[in-house]
Every structure is written in C-alpha cells, then in structure tokens.
Amino acid sequence: MTQELWVLVLAAIWGLIQILVAAASPMTQKGYWEWNASPRDTPFDLGPVPARLRRAYQNYLETFPFIAALIVVTAIVGHSDTLSQWGAWLYLGARLLYFPAYGAGTKLRSPCYLVSLVGIGLVAVSVIGSAL
C-alpha cells in the first residue's frame, strides 16, 4: 500500500475520531440528552467549545472528499512520488492540528487550513504532472 493510501486510511480514522469528540463534548450540558433524543427541530446552544469542535469537523468534511479523490486517482493510475507523498502527509498533519486549534479558539486554525490546502494542491499537481 502506498504512503498516500495510508494517509487516506489515517485521515478517515481521524474523521471518525472528530465525530466522537464533537458529539461527546456537549454531553454534560443540562438538557442535551433530551434534545439529542428529540427530532432536533429547534437548535440547542452547545456552548463555545462544543460548537467550535462541530464547526471544525464540518470544515474537515469540506476538504476530505478532495484529498480522498486525488489519493484514489494516484492509486488507480499507479502513481506515487515524493510530491504526492508530501502533499498527503501535509494535508493529514495540518488537519490533525486544525481540530484542536479551532476547538481552543486560536488563530492557528487559519494557517493549518491553508497548509492542508497546499497538501491537496501538491497531490493534484503530482497527479496532473504524471498524466502529461
């Protein structure tokens, strides 16, 4: 299995971890269990940190399909090089840092997000370059 595919597996696992953390973070708030069991027709005030974690996870969902598609293409065409490997690892590393940075409310989340986009771009450039 290529490094890029390993990154894809680890990124998928990281997504599952984010779901669990974001879902568990408001569990101690009064009324959460009742709201969670309801049809959720009205919003529930999660509080700042659980709301940030939920938004961080939503942001992850916005980028994951792109890196996943590109990594799958690298596997299908049998292409793996230093550029695609670096891009995949950059993406994963940045996304690992993004979640806690957003949860803590720091401004580091923006650079983490940009680095993850650079990682996606590197994989894209590598795949496109291999096709030319």
C-alpha atoms as a PDB file:
ATOM      1  CA  MET A   1       0.000   0.000   0.000  1.00  0.00           C
ATOM      2  CA  THR A   2       1.353   3.430  -0.914  1.00  0.00           C
ATOM      3  CA  GLN A   3       2.006   6.164   1.618  1.00  0.00           C
ATOM      4  CA  GLU A   4      -0.842   8.156   0.114  1.00  0.00           C
ATOM      5  CA  LEU A   5      -3.290   5.316   0.740  1.00  0.00           C
ATOM      6  CA  TRP A   6      -2.028   5.033   4.323  1.00  0.00           C
ATOM      7  CA  VAL A   7      -2.704   8.736   4.743  1.00  0.00           C
ATOM      8  CA  LEU A   8      -6.209   8.226   3.380  1.00  0.00           C
ATOM      9  CA  VAL A   9      -6.873   5.457   5.906  1.00  0.00           C
ATOM     10  CA  LEU A  10      -5.488   7.585   8.754  1.00  0.00           C
ATOM     11  CA  ALA A  11      -7.474  10.620   7.586  1.00  0.00           C
ATOM     12  CA  ALA A  12     -10.676   8.550   7.573  1.00  0.00           C
ATOM     13  CA  ILE A  13      -9.939   7.339  11.105  1.00  0.00           C
ATOM     14  CA  TRP A  14      -9.230  10.945  12.139  1.00  0.00           C
ATOM     15  CA  GLY A  15     -12.637  11.918  10.754  1.00  0.00           C
ATOM     16  CA  LEU A  16     -14.307   9.274  12.918  1.00  0.00           C
ATOM     17  CA  ILE A  17     -12.412  10.495  15.974  1.00  0.00           C
ATOM     18  CA  GLN A  18     -13.581  14.041  15.273  1.00  0.00           C
ATOM     19  CA  ILE A  19     -17.202  12.856  15.105  1.00  0.00           C
ATOM     20  CA  LEU A  20     -16.857  11.194  18.500  1.00  0.00           C
ATOM     21  CA  VAL A  21     -15.138  14.149  20.147  1.00  0.00           C
ATOM     22  CA  ALA A  22     -17.558  16.701  18.691  1.00  0.00           C
ATOM     23  CA  ALA A  23     -20.554  14.576  19.670  1.00  0.00           C
ATOM     24  CA  ALA A  24     -19.285  13.878  23.189  1.00  0.00           C
ATOM     25  CA  SER A  25     -18.254  17.433  24.029  1.00  0.00           C
ATOM     26  CA  PRO A  26     -21.738  18.808  24.935  1.00  0.00           C
ATOM     27  CA  MET A  27     -22.932  15.667  26.771  1.00  0.00           C
ATOM     28  CA  THR A  28     -22.650  17.172  30.249  1.00  0.00           C
ATOM     29  CA  GLN A  29     -24.791  20.195  29.450  1.00  0.00           C
ATOM     30  CA  LYS A  30     -28.216  20.322  31.013  1.00  0.00           C
ATOM     31  CA  GLY A  31     -30.955  19.342  28.573  1.00  0.00           C
ATOM     32  CA  TYR A  32     -28.590  17.973  25.937  1.00  0.00           C
ATOM     33  CA  TRP A  33     -29.710  14.344  26.239  1.00  0.00           C
ATOM     34  CA  GLU A  34     -33.371  15.273  25.850  1.00  0.00           C
ATOM     35  CA  TRP A  35     -32.614  17.486  22.859  1.00  0.00           C
ATOM     36  CA  ASN A  36     -30.355  14.838  21.320  1.00  0.00           C
ATOM     37  CA  ALA A  37     -33.129  12.219  21.553  1.00  0.00           C
ATOM     38  CA  SER A  38     -35.671  14.618  20.050  1.00  0.00           C
ATOM     39  CA  PRO A  39     -36.182  15.348  16.341  1.00  0.00           C
ATOM     40  CA  ARG A  40     -33.935  18.433  16.874  1.00  0.00           C
ATOM     41  CA  ASP A  41     -36.417  20.847  15.355  1.00  0.00           C
ATOM     42  CA  THR A  42     -35.038  23.653  17.490  1.00  0.00           C
ATOM     43  CA  PRO A  43     -31.351  24.471  17.861  1.00  0.00           C
ATOM     44  CA  PHE A  44     -29.512  23.643  21.064  1.00  0.00           C
ATOM     45  CA  ASP A  45     -26.955  26.047  22.482  1.00  0.00           C
ATOM     46  CA  LEU A  46     -23.880  23.840  22.575  1.00  0.00           C
ATOM     47  CA  GLY A  47     -21.638  26.422  24.184  1.00  0.00           C
ATOM     48  CA  PRO A  48     -18.489  27.827  22.604  1.00  0.00           C
ATOM     49  CA  VAL A  49     -16.074  24.873  22.636  1.00  0.00           C
ATOM     50  CA  PRO A  50     -18.513  22.136  21.511  1.00  0.00           C
ATOM     51  CA  ALA A  51     -19.808  24.484  18.796  1.00  0.00           C
ATOM     52  CA  ARG A  52     -16.243  25.129  17.600  1.00  0.00           C
ATOM     53  CA  LEU A  53     -15.497  21.404  17.525  1.00  0.00           C
ATOM     54  CA  ARG A  54     -18.618  20.785  15.487  1.00  0.00           C
ATOM     55  CA  ARG A  55     -17.650  23.550  13.034  1.00  0.00           C
ATOM     56  CA  ALA A  56     -14.105  22.167  12.822  1.00  0.00           C
ATOM     57  CA  TYR A  57     -15.499  18.760  11.912  1.00  0.00           C
ATOM     58  CA  GLN A  58     -17.796  20.334   9.308  1.00  0.00           C
ATOM     59  CA  ASN A  59     -14.757  22.079   7.835  1.00  0.00           C
ATOM     60  CA  TYR A  60     -12.955  18.735   7.682  1.00  0.00           C
ATOM     61  CA  LEU A  61     -15.852  17.319   5.679  1.00  0.00           C
ATOM     62  CA  GLU A  62     -15.402  20.138   3.161  1.00  0.00           C
ATOM     63  CA  THR A  63     -11.802  19.169   2.363  1.00  0.00           C
ATOM     64  CA  PHE A  64     -11.714  15.404   2.845  1.00  0.00           C
ATOM     65  CA  PRO A  65     -13.512  14.457  -0.406  1.00  0.00           C
ATOM     66  CA  PHE A  66     -10.905  16.328  -2.468  1.00  0.00           C
ATOM     67  CA  ILE A  67      -7.869  14.671  -0.921  1.00  0.00           C
ATOM     68  CA  ALA A  68      -9.651  11.308  -0.958  1.00  0.00           C
ATOM     69  CA  ALA A  69     -10.461  11.589  -4.669  1.00  0.00           C
ATOM     70  CA  LEU A  70      -6.918  12.611  -5.542  1.00  0.00           C
ATOM     71  CA  ILE A  71      -5.364   9.812  -3.496  1.00  0.00           C
ATOM     72  CA  VAL A  72      -7.698   7.257  -5.059  1.00  0.00           C
ATOM     73  CA  VAL A  73      -6.635   8.519  -8.501  1.00  0.00           C
ATOM     74  CA  THR A  74      -2.962   8.122  -7.554  1.00  0.00           C
ATOM     75  CA  ALA A  75      -3.711   4.521  -6.611  1.00  0.00           C
ATOM     76  CA  ILE A  76      -5.742   3.791  -9.743  1.00  0.00           C
ATOM     77  CA  VAL A  77      -3.065   5.119 -12.095  1.00  0.00           C
ATOM     78  CA  GLY A  78      -0.281   3.582 -10.025  1.00  0.00           C
ATOM     79  CA  HIS A  79       1.379   6.914  -9.359  1.00  0.00           C
ATOM     80  CA  SER A  80       3.199   7.736  -6.140  1.00  0.00           C
ATOM     81  CA  ASP A  81       6.078  10.158  -5.878  1.00  0.00           C
ATOM     82  CA  THR A  82       7.702  12.444  -3.365  1.00  0.00           C
ATOM     83  CA  LEU A  83       5.357  15.315  -4.228  1.00  0.00           C
ATOM     84  CA  SER A  84       2.170  13.305  -3.761  1.00  0.00           C
ATOM     85  CA  GLN A  85       3.506  11.762  -0.555  1.00  0.00           C
ATOM     86  CA  TRP A  86       4.485  15.136   0.899  1.00  0.00           C
ATOM     87  CA  GLY A  87       1.127  16.568  -0.102  1.00  0.00           C
ATOM     88  CA  ALA A  88      -0.807  13.762   1.530  1.00  0.00           C
ATOM     89  CA  TRP A  89       1.187  13.968   4.775  1.00  0.00           C
ATOM     90  CA  LEU A  90       0.942  17.772   4.830  1.00  0.00           C
ATOM     91  CA  TYR A  91      -2.822  17.507   4.493  1.00  0.00           C
ATOM     92  CA  LEU A  92      -3.115  15.000   7.327  1.00  0.00           C
ATOM     93  CA  GLY A  93      -0.718  16.825   9.640  1.00  0.00           C
ATOM     94  CA  ALA A  94      -2.483  20.136   9.112  1.00  0.00           C
ATOM     95  CA  ARG A  95      -5.890  18.592   9.692  1.00  0.00           C
ATOM     96  CA  LEU A  96      -4.654  16.939  12.897  1.00  0.00           C
ATOM     97  CA  LEU A  97      -3.600  20.366  14.164  1.00  0.00           C
ATOM     98  CA  TYR A  98      -6.670  22.218  12.853  1.00  0.00           C
ATOM     99  CA  PHE A  99      -9.234  20.465  15.052  1.00  0.00           C
ATOM    100  CA  PRO A 100      -7.679  21.279  18.446  1.00  0.00           C
ATOM    101  CA  ALA A 101      -6.604  24.733  17.247  1.00  0.00           C
ATOM    102  CA  TYR A 102     -10.191  25.568  16.315  1.00  0.00           C
ATOM    103  CA  GLY A 103     -11.531  23.997  19.498  1.00  0.00           C
ATOM    104  CA  ALA A 104      -9.175  26.141  21.573  1.00  0.00           C
ATOM    105  CA  GLY A 105     -10.251  29.244  19.676  1.00  0.00           C
ATOM    106  CA  THR A 106      -6.749  30.120  18.455  1.00  0.00           C
ATOM    107  CA  LYS A 107      -5.900  31.879  15.238  1.00  0.00           C
ATOM    108  CA  LEU A 108      -3.640  28.960  14.293  1.00  0.00           C
ATOM    109  CA  ARG A 109      -6.586  27.285  12.617  1.00  0.00           C
ATOM    110  CA  SER A 110      -6.273  29.502   9.531  1.00  0.00           C
ATOM    111  CA  PRO A 111      -2.627  28.588   8.801  1.00  0.00           C
ATOM    112  CA  CYS A 112      -3.478  24.926   9.436  1.00  0.00           C
ATOM    113  CA  TYR A 113      -6.317  25.166   6.946  1.00  0.00           C
ATOM    114  CA  LEU A 114      -4.065  26.794   4.352  1.00  0.00           C
ATOM    115  CA  VAL A 115      -1.371  24.138   4.804  1.00  0.00           C
ATOM    116  CA  SER A 116      -3.994  21.422   4.281  1.00  0.00           C
ATOM    117  CA  LEU A 117      -4.998  23.117   1.025  1.00  0.00           C
ATOM    118  CA  VAL A 118      -1.349  23.226  -0.037  1.00  0.00           C
ATOM    119  CA  GLY A 119      -1.172  19.490   0.647  1.00  0.00           C
ATOM    120  CA  ILE A 120      -4.214  18.882  -1.546  1.00  0.00           C
ATOM    121  CA  GLY A 121      -2.636  21.069  -4.220  1.00  0.00           C
ATOM    122  CA  LEU A 122       0.625  19.133  -4.140  1.00  0.00           C
ATOM    123  CA  VAL A 123      -1.178  15.848  -4.657  1.00  0.00           C
ATOM    124  CA  ALA A 124      -3.174  17.401  -7.509  1.00  0.00           C
ATOM    125  CA  VAL A 125      -0.045  18.768  -9.185  1.00  0.00           C
ATOM    126  CA  SER A 126       1.652  15.394  -8.839  1.00  0.00           C
ATOM    127  CA  VAL A 127      -1.293  13.516 -10.380  1.00  0.00           C
ATOM    128  CA  ILE A 128      -1.704  16.011 -13.217  1.00  0.00           C
ATOM    129  CA  GLY A 129       2.045  16.020 -13.837  1.00  0.00           C
ATOM    130  CA  SER A 130       2.092  12.247 -14.113  1.00  0.00           C
ATOM    131  CA  ALA A 131      -0.626  12.363 -16.777  1.00  0.00           C
ATOM    132  CA  LEU A 132       1.196  14.843 -19.013  1.00  0.00           C
END
